[in-house]
Amino acid sequence: MNDTRELYSGLIRLHILHHACEKPFFGLWMIEELGHHGYRLSPGTLYPLLAVMERKGLLRSSTQSVNGKVRRMYRATPAGRKALRIARRRVQELFGEMFEDER
């Protein structure tokens, strides 16, 4: 099972970065969003992942009041946006190879 999680961890990071480029989000929202796609992450898994992405310069966080609650909001940095553009091209190329027999 750990091998599967490791395989999907890159996809989860890309999913996070995709949404961070669209609009700021908070952790619980991201846990729910990933859950809609079949990923089950606990806060103890997600928040360290967000912290690593922030340390690497892909995300930036700030605290904001959302519906009367103080939330840490995450959004993509310029480096995160650039990384996602590059990743999209690479993913498209890979998926094209992976599914070319199905066309």
PDB file of N, CA and C in Angstrom:
ATOM      1  N   MET A   1       0.822  -1.201   0.000  1.00  0.00           N
ATOM      2  CA  MET A   1       0.000   0.000   0.000  1.00  0.00           C
ATOM      3  C   MET A   1       0.862   1.259   0.000  1.00  0.00           C
ATOM      4  N   ASN A   2       1.980   1.243   0.734  1.00  0.00           N
ATOM      5  CA  ASN A   2       2.859   2.415   0.757  1.00  0.00           C
ATOM      6  C   ASN A   2       3.416   2.715  -0.622  1.00  0.00           C
ATOM      7  N   ASP A   3       3.677   1.670  -1.421  1.00  0.00           N
ATOM      8  CA  ASP A   3       4.154   1.901  -2.782  1.00  0.00           C
ATOM      9  C   ASP A   3       3.099   2.649  -3.588  1.00  0.00           C
ATOM     10  N   THR A   4       1.842   2.308  -3.401  1.00  0.00           N
ATOM     11  CA  THR A   4       0.762   2.984  -4.107  1.00  0.00           C
ATOM     12  C   THR A   4       0.666   4.436  -3.665  1.00  0.00           C
ATOM     13  N   ARG A   5       0.755   4.671  -2.367  1.00  0.00           N
ATOM     14  CA  ARG A   5       0.704   6.053  -1.866  1.00  0.00           C
ATOM     15  C   ARG A   5       1.845   6.881  -2.435  1.00  0.00           C
ATOM     16  N   GLU A   6       3.021   6.283  -2.492  1.00  0.00           N
ATOM     17  CA  GLU A   6       4.170   7.006  -3.042  1.00  0.00           C
ATOM     18  C   GLU A   6       3.940   7.330  -4.518  1.00  0.00           C
ATOM     19  N   LEU A   7       3.351   6.400  -5.232  1.00  0.00           N
ATOM     20  CA  LEU A   7       3.053   6.611  -6.650  1.00  0.00           C
ATOM     21  C   LEU A   7       2.082   7.772  -6.833  1.00  0.00           C
ATOM     22  N   TYR A   8       1.061   7.838  -5.987  1.00  0.00           N
ATOM     23  CA  TYR A   8       0.045   8.879  -6.108  1.00  0.00           C
ATOM     24  C   TYR A   8       0.453  10.210  -5.493  1.00  0.00           C
ATOM     25  N   SER A   9       1.504  10.233  -4.696  1.00  0.00           N
ATOM     26  CA  SER A   9       1.850  11.482  -4.006  1.00  0.00           C
ATOM     27  C   SER A   9       2.162  12.609  -4.986  1.00  0.00           C
ATOM     28  N   GLY A  10       2.767  12.302  -6.107  1.00  0.00           N
ATOM     29  CA  GLY A  10       3.025  13.328  -7.113  1.00  0.00           C
ATOM     30  C   GLY A  10       1.742  13.863  -7.717  1.00  0.00           C
ATOM     31  N   LEU A  11       0.775  12.978  -7.928  1.00  0.00           N
ATOM     32  CA  LEU A  11      -0.511  13.414  -8.465  1.00  0.00           C
ATOM     33  C   LEU A  11      -1.233  14.310  -7.468  1.00  0.00           C
ATOM     34  N   ILE A  12      -1.125  13.969  -6.193  1.00  0.00           N
ATOM     35  CA  ILE A  12      -1.750  14.793  -5.155  1.00  0.00           C
ATOM     36  C   ILE A  12      -1.106  16.170  -5.134  1.00  0.00           C
ATOM     37  N   ARG A  13       0.204  16.230  -5.222  1.00  0.00           N
ATOM     38  CA  ARG A  13       0.904  17.526  -5.242  1.00  0.00           C
ATOM     39  C   ARG A  13       0.463  18.362  -6.446  1.00  0.00           C
ATOM     40  N   LEU A  14       0.350  17.719  -7.599  1.00  0.00           N
ATOM     41  CA  LEU A  14      -0.100  18.442  -8.796  1.00  0.00           C
ATOM     42  C   LEU A  14      -1.533  18.932  -8.633  1.00  0.00           C
ATOM     43  N   HIS A  15      -2.365  18.120  -8.015  1.00  0.00           N
ATOM     44  CA  HIS A  15      -3.748  18.520  -7.781  1.00  0.00           C
ATOM     45  C   HIS A  15      -3.791  19.747  -6.864  1.00  0.00           C
ATOM     46  N   ILE A  16      -2.995  19.716  -5.813  1.00  0.00           N
ATOM     47  CA  ILE A  16      -2.917  20.850  -4.884  1.00  0.00           C
ATOM     48  C   ILE A  16      -2.453  22.098  -5.629  1.00  0.00           C
ATOM     49  N   LEU A  17      -1.395  21.956  -6.410  1.00  0.00           N
ATOM     50  CA  LEU A  17      -0.846  23.097  -7.138  1.00  0.00           C
ATOM     51  C   LEU A  17      -1.852  23.634  -8.149  1.00  0.00           C
ATOM     52  N   HIS A  18      -2.575  22.746  -8.807  1.00  0.00           N
ATOM     53  CA  HIS A  18      -3.609  23.165  -9.763  1.00  0.00           C
ATOM     54  C   HIS A  18      -4.629  24.078  -9.078  1.00  0.00           C
ATOM     55  N   HIS A  19      -5.133  23.650  -7.923  1.00  0.00           N
ATOM     56  CA  HIS A  19      -6.139  24.461  -7.235  1.00  0.00           C
ATOM     57  C   HIS A  19      -5.535  25.731  -6.653  1.00  0.00           C
ATOM     58  N   ALA A  20      -4.292  25.660  -6.208  1.00  0.00           N
ATOM     59  CA  ALA A  20      -3.633  26.852  -5.664  1.00  0.00           C
ATOM     60  C   ALA A  20      -3.438  27.909  -6.742  1.00  0.00           C
ATOM     61  N   CYS A  21      -3.342  27.493  -7.991  1.00  0.00           N
ATOM     62  CA  CYS A  21      -3.226  28.445  -9.099  1.00  0.00           C
ATOM     63  C   CYS A  21      -4.581  29.049  -9.450  1.00  0.00           C
ATOM     64  N   GLU A  22      -5.653  28.320  -9.190  1.00  0.00           N
ATOM     65  CA  GLU A  22      -6.991  28.824  -9.503  1.00  0.00           C
ATOM     66  C   GLU A  22      -7.474  29.848  -8.490  1.00  0.00           C
ATOM     67  N   LYS A  23      -7.318  29.534  -7.208  1.00  0.00           N
ATOM     68  CA  LYS A  23      -7.788  30.428  -6.148  1.00  0.00           C
ATOM     69  C   LYS A  23      -7.204  29.971  -4.819  1.00  0.00           C
ATOM     70  N   PRO A  24      -7.112  30.859  -3.836  1.00  0.00           N
ATOM     71  CA  PRO A  24      -6.632  30.443  -2.511  1.00  0.00           C
ATOM     72  C   PRO A  24      -7.590  29.411  -1.901  1.00  0.00           C
ATOM     73  N   PHE A  25      -7.034  28.499  -1.129  1.00  0.00           N
ATOM     74  CA  PHE A  25      -7.832  27.473  -0.462  1.00  0.00           C
ATOM     75  C   PHE A  25      -7.302  27.257   0.947  1.00  0.00           C
ATOM     76  N   PHE A  26      -8.120  26.613   1.790  1.00  0.00           N
ATOM     77  CA  PHE A  26      -7.664  26.227   3.123  1.00  0.00           C
ATOM     78  C   PHE A  26      -7.637  24.705   3.200  1.00  0.00           C
ATOM     79  N   GLY A  27      -6.918  24.193   4.175  1.00  0.00           N
ATOM     80  CA  GLY A  27      -6.621  22.769   4.252  1.00  0.00           C
ATOM     81  C   GLY A  27      -7.817  21.853   4.244  1.00  0.00           C
ATOM     82  N   LEU A  28      -8.833  22.125   5.057  1.00  0.00           N
ATOM     83  CA  LEU A  28      -9.993  21.245   5.105  1.00  0.00           C
ATOM     84  C   LEU A  28     -10.689  21.189   3.748  1.00  0.00           C
ATOM     85  N   TRP A  29     -10.776  22.324   3.061  1.00  0.00           N
ATOM     86  CA  TRP A  29     -11.368  22.319   1.722  1.00  0.00           C
ATOM     87  C   TRP A  29     -10.586  21.381   0.807  1.00  0.00           C
ATOM     88  N   MET A  30      -9.241  21.442   0.889  1.00  0.00           N
ATOM     89  CA  MET A  30      -8.413  20.597   0.021  1.00  0.00           C
ATOM     90  C   MET A  30      -8.590  19.126   0.367  1.00  0.00           C
ATOM     91  N   ILE A  31      -8.707  18.803   1.652  1.00  0.00           N
ATOM     92  CA  ILE A  31      -8.942  17.410   2.039  1.00  0.00           C
ATOM     93  C   ILE A  31     -10.241  16.913   1.405  1.00  0.00           C
ATOM     94  N   GLU A  32     -11.277  17.737   1.468  1.00  0.00           N
ATOM     95  CA  GLU A  32     -12.564  17.364   0.870  1.00  0.00           C
ATOM     96  C   GLU A  32     -12.470  17.269  -0.650  1.00  0.00           C
ATOM     97  N   GLU A  33     -11.782  18.217  -1.270  1.00  0.00           N
ATOM     98  CA  GLU A  33     -11.617  18.209  -2.728  1.00  0.00           C
ATOM     99  C   GLU A  33     -10.884  16.944  -3.172  1.00  0.00           C
ATOM    100  N   LEU A  34      -9.798  16.625  -2.509  1.00  0.00           N
ATOM    101  CA  LEU A  34      -9.056  15.414  -2.866  1.00  0.00           C
ATOM    102  C   LEU A  34      -9.909  14.172  -2.631  1.00  0.00           C
ATOM    103  N   GLY A  35     -10.746  14.195  -1.589  1.00  0.00           N
ATOM    104  CA  GLY A  35     -11.645  13.081  -1.310  1.00  0.00           C
ATOM    105  C   GLY A  35     -12.621  12.834  -2.450  1.00  0.00           C
ATOM    106  N   HIS A  36     -13.044  13.906  -3.136  1.00  0.00           N
ATOM    107  CA  HIS A  36     -13.941  13.754  -4.287  1.00  0.00           C
ATOM    108  C   HIS A  36     -13.265  12.978  -5.423  1.00  0.00           C
ATOM    109  N   HIS A  37     -11.951  12.935  -5.398  1.00  0.00           N
ATOM    110  CA  HIS A  37     -11.193  12.255  -6.444  1.00  0.00           C
ATOM    111  C   HIS A  37     -10.618  10.929  -5.961  1.00  0.00           C
ATOM    112  N   GLY A  38     -11.068  10.490  -4.793  1.00  0.00           N
ATOM    113  CA  GLY A  38     -10.643   9.186  -4.292  1.00  0.00           C
ATOM    114  C   GLY A  38      -9.411   9.183  -3.417  1.00  0.00           C
ATOM    115  N   TYR A  39      -8.851  10.349  -3.139  1.00  0.00           N
ATOM    116  CA  TYR A  39      -7.683  10.431  -2.261  1.00  0.00           C
ATOM    117  C   TYR A  39      -8.162  10.678  -0.840  1.00  0.00           C
ATOM    118  N   ARG A  40      -7.711   9.880   0.097  1.00  0.00           N
ATOM    119  CA  ARG A  40      -8.095  10.041   1.502  1.00  0.00           C
ATOM    120  C   ARG A  40      -6.874  10.511   2.284  1.00  0.00           C
ATOM    121  N   LEU A  41      -6.838  11.800   2.569  1.00  0.00           N
ATOM    122  CA  LEU A  41      -5.726  12.361   3.326  1.00  0.00           C
ATOM    123  C   LEU A  41      -6.239  12.881   4.655  1.00  0.00           C
ATOM    124  N   SER A  42      -5.481  12.639   5.694  1.00  0.00           N
ATOM    125  CA  SER A  42      -5.799  13.188   7.007  1.00  0.00           C
ATOM    126  C   SER A  42      -5.112  14.542   7.127  1.00  0.00           C
ATOM    127  N   PRO A  43      -5.550  15.363   8.079  1.00  0.00           N
ATOM    128  CA  PRO A  43      -4.838  16.628   8.314  1.00  0.00           C
ATOM    129  C   PRO A  43      -3.359  16.391   8.632  1.00  0.00           C
ATOM    130  N   GLY A  44      -3.067  15.287   9.311  1.00  0.00           N
ATOM    131  CA  GLY A  44      -1.681  14.970   9.657  1.00  0.00           C
ATOM    132  C   GLY A  44      -0.817  14.628   8.460  1.00  0.00           C
ATOM    133  N   THR A  45      -1.448  14.328   7.349  1.00  0.00           N
ATOM    134  CA  THR A  45      -0.719  14.082   6.094  1.00  0.00           C
ATOM    135  C   THR A  45      -0.690  15.342   5.242  1.00  0.00           C
ATOM    136  N   LEU A  46      -1.843  16.012   5.129  1.00  0.00           N
ATOM    137  CA  LEU A  46      -1.929  17.169   4.240  1.00  0.00           C
ATOM    138  C   LEU A  46      -1.097  18.351   4.717  1.00  0.00           C
ATOM    139  N   TYR A  47      -1.223  18.725   5.978  1.00  0.00           N
ATOM    140  CA  TYR A  47      -0.556  19.955   6.432  1.00  0.00           C
ATOM    141  C   TYR A  47       0.966  19.889   6.334  1.00  0.00           C
ATOM    142  N   PRO A  48       1.598  18.769   6.672  1.00  0.00           N
ATOM    143  CA  PRO A  48       3.052  18.701   6.424  1.00  0.00           C
ATOM    144  C   PRO A  48       3.393  18.800   4.935  1.00  0.00           C
ATOM    145  N   LEU A  49       2.542  18.229   4.078  1.00  0.00           N
ATOM    146  CA  LEU A  49       2.761  18.317   2.635  1.00  0.00           C
ATOM    147  C   LEU A  49       2.669  19.766   2.166  1.00  0.00           C
ATOM    148  N   LEU A  50       1.667  20.488   2.653  1.00  0.00           N
ATOM    149  CA  LEU A  50       1.541  21.912   2.308  1.00  0.00           C
ATOM    150  C   LEU A  50       2.746  22.696   2.806  1.00  0.00           C
ATOM    151  N   ALA A  51       3.230  22.365   4.009  1.00  0.00           N
ATOM    152  CA  ALA A  51       4.400  23.059   4.569  1.00  0.00           C
ATOM    153  C   ALA A  51       5.636  22.823   3.709  1.00  0.00           C
ATOM    154  N   VAL A  52       5.805  21.595   3.232  1.00  0.00           N
ATOM    155  CA  VAL A  52       6.947  21.288   2.360  1.00  0.00           C
ATOM    156  C   VAL A  52       6.831  22.066   1.059  1.00  0.00           C
ATOM    157  N   MET A  53       5.641  22.095   0.482  1.00  0.00           N
ATOM    158  CA  MET A  53       5.448  22.839  -0.771  1.00  0.00           C
ATOM    159  C   MET A  53       5.693  24.328  -0.560  1.00  0.00           C
ATOM    160  N   GLU A  54       5.348  24.816   0.625  1.00  0.00           N
ATOM    161  CA  GLU A  54       5.606  26.227   0.933  1.00  0.00           C
ATOM    162  C   GLU A  54       7.111  26.472   1.096  1.00  0.00           C
ATOM    163  N   ARG A  55       7.800  25.580   1.797  1.00  0.00           N
ATOM    164  CA  ARG A  55       9.258  25.735   1.964  1.00  0.00           C
ATOM    165  C   ARG A  55       9.982  25.691   0.629  1.00  0.00           C
ATOM    166  N   LYS A  56       9.464  24.902  -0.306  1.00  0.00           N
ATOM    167  CA  LYS A  56      10.077  24.795  -1.636  1.00  0.00           C
ATOM    168  C   LYS A  56       9.722  25.982  -2.527  1.00  0.00           C
ATOM    169  N   GLY A  57       8.868  26.883  -2.035  1.00  0.00           N
ATOM    170  CA  GLY A  57       8.538  28.081  -2.796  1.00  0.00           C
ATOM    171  C   GLY A  57       7.409  27.913  -3.785  1.00  0.00           C
ATOM    172  N   LEU A  58       6.674  26.795  -3.713  1.00  0.00           N
ATOM    173  CA  LEU A  58       5.568  26.563  -4.644  1.00  0.00           C
ATOM    174  C   LEU A  58       4.273  27.193  -4.162  1.00  0.00           C
ATOM    175  N   LEU A  59       4.105  27.279  -2.843  1.00  0.00           N
ATOM    176  CA  LEU A  59       2.916  27.852  -2.228  1.00  0.00           C
ATOM    177  C   LEU A  59       3.305  28.970  -1.286  1.00  0.00           C
ATOM    178  N   ARG A  60       2.349  29.847  -1.021  1.00  0.00           N
ATOM    179  CA  ARG A  60       2.490  30.895  -0.007  1.00  0.00           C
ATOM    180  C   ARG A  60       1.210  30.839   0.810  1.00  0.00           C
ATOM    181  N   SER A  61       1.357  31.010   2.126  1.00  0.00           N
ATOM    182  CA  SER A  61       0.158  30.982   2.963  1.00  0.00           C
ATOM    183  C   SER A  61       0.028  32.282   3.741  1.00  0.00           C
ATOM    184  N   SER A  62      -1.205  32.556   4.125  1.00  0.00           N
ATOM    185  CA  SER A  62      -1.510  33.704   4.969  1.00  0.00           C
ATOM    186  C   SER A  62      -2.772  33.362   5.735  1.00  0.00           C
ATOM    187  N   THR A  63      -2.989  34.043   6.844  1.00  0.00           N
ATOM    188  CA  THR A  63      -4.210  33.795   7.608  1.00  0.00           C
ATOM    189  C   THR A  63      -5.272  34.807   7.189  1.00  0.00           C
ATOM    190  N   GLN A  64      -6.497  34.306   7.077  1.00  0.00           N
ATOM    191  CA  GLN A  64      -7.640  35.135   6.693  1.00  0.00           C
ATOM    192  C   GLN A  64      -8.860  34.669   7.476  1.00  0.00           C
ATOM    193  N   SER A  65      -9.800  35.571   7.634  1.00  0.00           N
ATOM    194  CA  SER A  65     -11.065  35.213   8.255  1.00  0.00           C
ATOM    195  C   SER A  65     -12.019  34.735   7.166  1.00  0.00           C
ATOM    196  N   VAL A  66     -12.520  33.512   7.322  1.00  0.00           N
ATOM    197  CA  VAL A  66     -13.444  32.917   6.361  1.00  0.00           C
ATOM    198  C   VAL A  66     -14.679  32.465   7.134  1.00  0.00           C
ATOM    199  N   ASN A  67     -15.800  33.085   6.859  1.00  0.00           N
ATOM    200  CA  ASN A  67     -17.047  32.761   7.563  1.00  0.00           C
ATOM    201  C   ASN A  67     -16.873  32.820   9.085  1.00  0.00           C
ATOM    202  N   GLY A  68     -16.149  33.818   9.547  1.00  0.00           N
ATOM    203  CA  GLY A  68     -15.962  34.011  10.978  1.00  0.00           C
ATOM    204  C   GLY A  68     -14.886  33.144  11.600  1.00  0.00           C
ATOM    205  N   LYS A  69     -14.210  32.314  10.804  1.00  0.00           N
ATOM    206  CA  LYS A  69     -13.137  31.464  11.320  1.00  0.00           C
ATOM    207  C   LYS A  69     -11.816  31.916  10.718  1.00  0.00           C
ATOM    208  N   VAL A  70     -10.779  31.887  11.518  1.00  0.00           N
ATOM    209  CA  VAL A  70      -9.454  32.223  11.003  1.00  0.00           C
ATOM    210  C   VAL A  70      -8.899  30.982  10.322  1.00  0.00           C
ATOM    211  N   ARG A  71      -8.563  31.116   9.067  1.00  0.00           N
ATOM    212  CA  ARG A  71      -8.046  29.999   8.258  1.00  0.00           C
ATOM    213  C   ARG A  71      -6.692  30.367   7.683  1.00  0.00           C
ATOM    214  N   ARG A  72      -5.843  29.365   7.550  1.00  0.00           N
ATOM    215  CA  ARG A  72      -4.599  29.548   6.815  1.00  0.00           C
ATOM    216  C   ARG A  72      -4.930  29.240   5.356  1.00  0.00           C
ATOM    217  N   MET A  73      -4.780  30.246   4.522  1.00  0.00           N
ATOM    218  CA  MET A  73      -5.098  30.117   3.100  1.00  0.00           C
ATOM    219  C   MET A  73      -3.799  29.917   2.313  1.00  0.00           C
ATOM    220  N   TYR A  74      -3.862  29.040   1.337  1.00  0.00           N
ATOM    221  CA  TYR A  74      -2.702  28.722   0.500  1.00  0.00           C
ATOM    222  C   TYR A  74      -2.987  29.149  -0.924  1.00  0.00           C
ATOM    223  N   ARG A  75      -1.960  29.686  -1.574  1.00  0.00           N
ATOM    224  CA  ARG A  75      -2.074  30.031  -2.989  1.00  0.00           C
ATOM    225  C   ARG A  75      -0.722  29.780  -3.648  1.00  0.00           C
ATOM    226  N   ALA A  76      -0.728  29.661  -4.947  1.00  0.00           N
ATOM    227  CA  ALA A  76       0.507  29.390  -5.687  1.00  0.00           C
ATOM    228  C   ALA A  76       1.359  30.640  -5.779  1.00  0.00           C
ATOM    229  N   THR A  77       2.643  30.439  -5.743  1.00  0.00           N
ATOM    230  CA  THR A  77       3.606  31.515  -5.988  1.00  0.00           C
ATOM    231  C   THR A  77       3.894  31.544  -7.495  1.00  0.00           C
ATOM    232  N   PRO A  78       4.600  32.560  -7.969  1.00  0.00           N
ATOM    233  CA  PRO A  78       5.007  32.532  -9.378  1.00  0.00           C
ATOM    234  C   PRO A  78       5.809  31.266  -9.727  1.00  0.00           C
ATOM    235  N   ALA A  79       6.669  30.823  -8.819  1.00  0.00           N
ATOM    236  CA  ALA A  79       7.432  29.589  -9.057  1.00  0.00           C
ATOM    237  C   ALA A  79       6.495  28.383  -9.116  1.00  0.00           C
ATOM    238  N   GLY A  80       5.445  28.380  -8.297  1.00  0.00           N
ATOM    239  CA  GLY A  80       4.464  27.303  -8.325  1.00  0.00           C
ATOM    240  C   GLY A  80       3.693  27.282  -9.629  1.00  0.00           C
ATOM    241  N   ARG A  81       3.347  28.462 -10.129  1.00  0.00           N
ATOM    242  CA  ARG A  81       2.634  28.545 -11.412  1.00  0.00           C
ATOM    243  C   ARG A  81       3.518  28.035 -12.559  1.00  0.00           C
ATOM    244  N   LYS A  82       4.776  28.407 -12.515  1.00  0.00           N
ATOM    245  CA  LYS A  82       5.705  27.942 -13.548  1.00  0.00           C
ATOM    246  C   LYS A  82       5.881  26.426 -13.466  1.00  0.00           C
ATOM    247  N   ALA A  83       6.026  25.907 -12.245  1.00  0.00           N
ATOM    248  CA  ALA A  83       6.173  24.465 -12.063  1.00  0.00           C
ATOM    249  C   ALA A  83       4.948  23.721 -12.598  1.00  0.00           C
ATOM    250  N   LEU A  84       3.760  24.270 -12.380  1.00  0.00           N
ATOM    251  CA  LEU A  84       2.549  23.618 -12.875  1.00  0.00           C
ATOM    252  C   LEU A  84       2.499  23.646 -14.404  1.00  0.00           C
ATOM    253  N   ARG A  85       2.903  24.748 -15.014  1.00  0.00           N
ATOM    254  CA  ARG A  85       2.921  24.812 -16.491  1.00  0.00           C
ATOM    255  C   ARG A  85       3.831  23.721 -17.060  1.00  0.00           C
ATOM    256  N   ILE A  86       5.001  23.578 -16.477  1.00  0.00           N
ATOM    257  CA  ILE A  86       5.945  22.553 -16.931  1.00  0.00           C
ATOM    258  C   ILE A  86       5.379  21.160 -16.691  1.00  0.00           C
ATOM    259  N   ALA A  87       4.814  20.957 -15.510  1.00  0.00           N
ATOM    260  CA  ALA A  87       4.253  19.645 -15.162  1.00  0.00           C
ATOM    261  C   ALA A  87       3.104  19.272 -16.092  1.00  0.00           C
ATOM    262  N   ARG A  88       2.275  20.241 -16.458  1.00  0.00           N
ATOM    263  CA  ARG A  88       1.157  19.954 -17.374  1.00  0.00           C
ATOM    264  C   ARG A  88       1.662  19.397 -18.691  1.00  0.00           C
ATOM    265  N   ARG A  89       2.714  20.005 -19.220  1.00  0.00           N
ATOM    266  CA  ARG A  89       3.270  19.513 -20.489  1.00  0.00           C
ATOM    267  C   ARG A  89       3.795  18.089 -20.326  1.00  0.00           C
ATOM    268  N   ARG A  90       4.501  17.853 -19.241  1.00  0.00           N
ATOM    269  CA  ARG A  90       5.072  16.519 -19.022  1.00  0.00           C
ATOM    270  C   ARG A  90       3.995  15.475 -18.775  1.00  0.00           C
ATOM    271  N   VAL A  91       2.967  15.833 -18.017  1.00  0.00           N
ATOM    272  CA  VAL A  91       1.871  14.902 -17.750  1.00  0.00           C
ATOM    273  C   VAL A  91       1.122  14.606 -19.041  1.00  0.00           C
ATOM    274  N   GLN A  92       0.886  15.621 -19.841  1.00  0.00           N
ATOM    275  CA  GLN A  92       0.183  15.426 -21.106  1.00  0.00           C
ATOM    276  C   GLN A  92       0.972  14.468 -22.008  1.00  0.00           C
ATOM    277  N   GLU A  93       2.279  14.649 -22.060  1.00  0.00           N
ATOM    278  CA  GLU A  93       3.122  13.774 -22.873  1.00  0.00           C
ATOM    279  C   GLU A  93       3.069  12.336 -22.346  1.00  0.00           C
ATOM    280  N   LEU A  94       3.200  12.179 -21.022  1.00  0.00           N
ATOM    281  CA  LEU A  94       3.175  10.857 -20.419  1.00  0.00           C
ATOM    282  C   LEU A  94       1.831  10.172 -20.640  1.00  0.00           C
ATOM    283  N   PHE A  95       0.733  10.886 -20.376  1.00  0.00           N
ATOM    284  CA  PHE A  95      -0.586  10.297 -20.531  1.00  0.00           C
ATOM    285  C   PHE A  95      -0.853   9.971 -22.001  1.00  0.00           C
ATOM    286  N   GLY A  96      -0.340  10.793 -22.901  1.00  0.00           N
ATOM    287  CA  GLY A  96      -0.465  10.488 -24.314  1.00  0.00           C
ATOM    288  C   GLY A  96       0.172   9.138 -24.648  1.00  0.00           C
ATOM    289  N   GLU A  97       1.350   8.894 -24.090  1.00  0.00           N
ATOM    290  CA  GLU A  97       2.026   7.597 -24.298  1.00  0.00           C
ATOM    291  C   GLU A  97       1.255   6.479 -23.640  1.00  0.00           C
ATOM    292  N   MET A  98       0.805   6.716 -22.407  1.00  0.00           N
ATOM    293  CA  MET A  98       0.147   5.660 -21.643  1.00  0.00           C
ATOM    294  C   MET A  98      -1.153   5.214 -22.300  1.00  0.00           C
ATOM    295  N   PHE A  99      -1.865   6.122 -22.958  1.00  0.00           N
ATOM    296  CA  PHE A  99      -3.176   5.806 -23.483  1.00  0.00           C
ATOM    297  C   PHE A  99      -3.247   5.815 -25.005  1.00  0.00           C
ATOM    298  N   GLU A 100      -2.106   5.855 -25.701  1.00  0.00           N
ATOM    299  CA  GLU A 100      -2.158   5.947 -27.158  1.00  0.00           C
ATOM    300  C   GLU A 100      -2.764   4.698 -27.788  1.00  0.00           C
ATOM    301  N   ASP A 101      -2.628   3.541 -27.166  1.00  0.00           N
ATOM    302  CA  ASP A 101      -3.224   2.317 -27.709  1.00  0.00           C
ATOM    303  C   ASP A 101      -4.748   2.337 -27.597  1.00  0.00           C
ATOM    304  N   GLU A 102      -5.293   3.155 -26.708  1.00  0.00           N
ATOM    305  CA  GLU A 102      -6.740   3.210 -26.492  1.00  0.00           C
ATOM    306  C   GLU A 102      -7.432   4.165 -27.455  1.00  0.00           C
ATOM    307  N   ARG A 103      -6.677   4.917 -28.218  1.00  0.00           N
ATOM    308  CA  ARG A 103      -7.290   5.894 -29.133  1.00  0.00           C
ATOM    309  C   ARG A 103      -7.804   5.214 -30.328  1.00  0.00           C
TER     310      ARG A 103
END
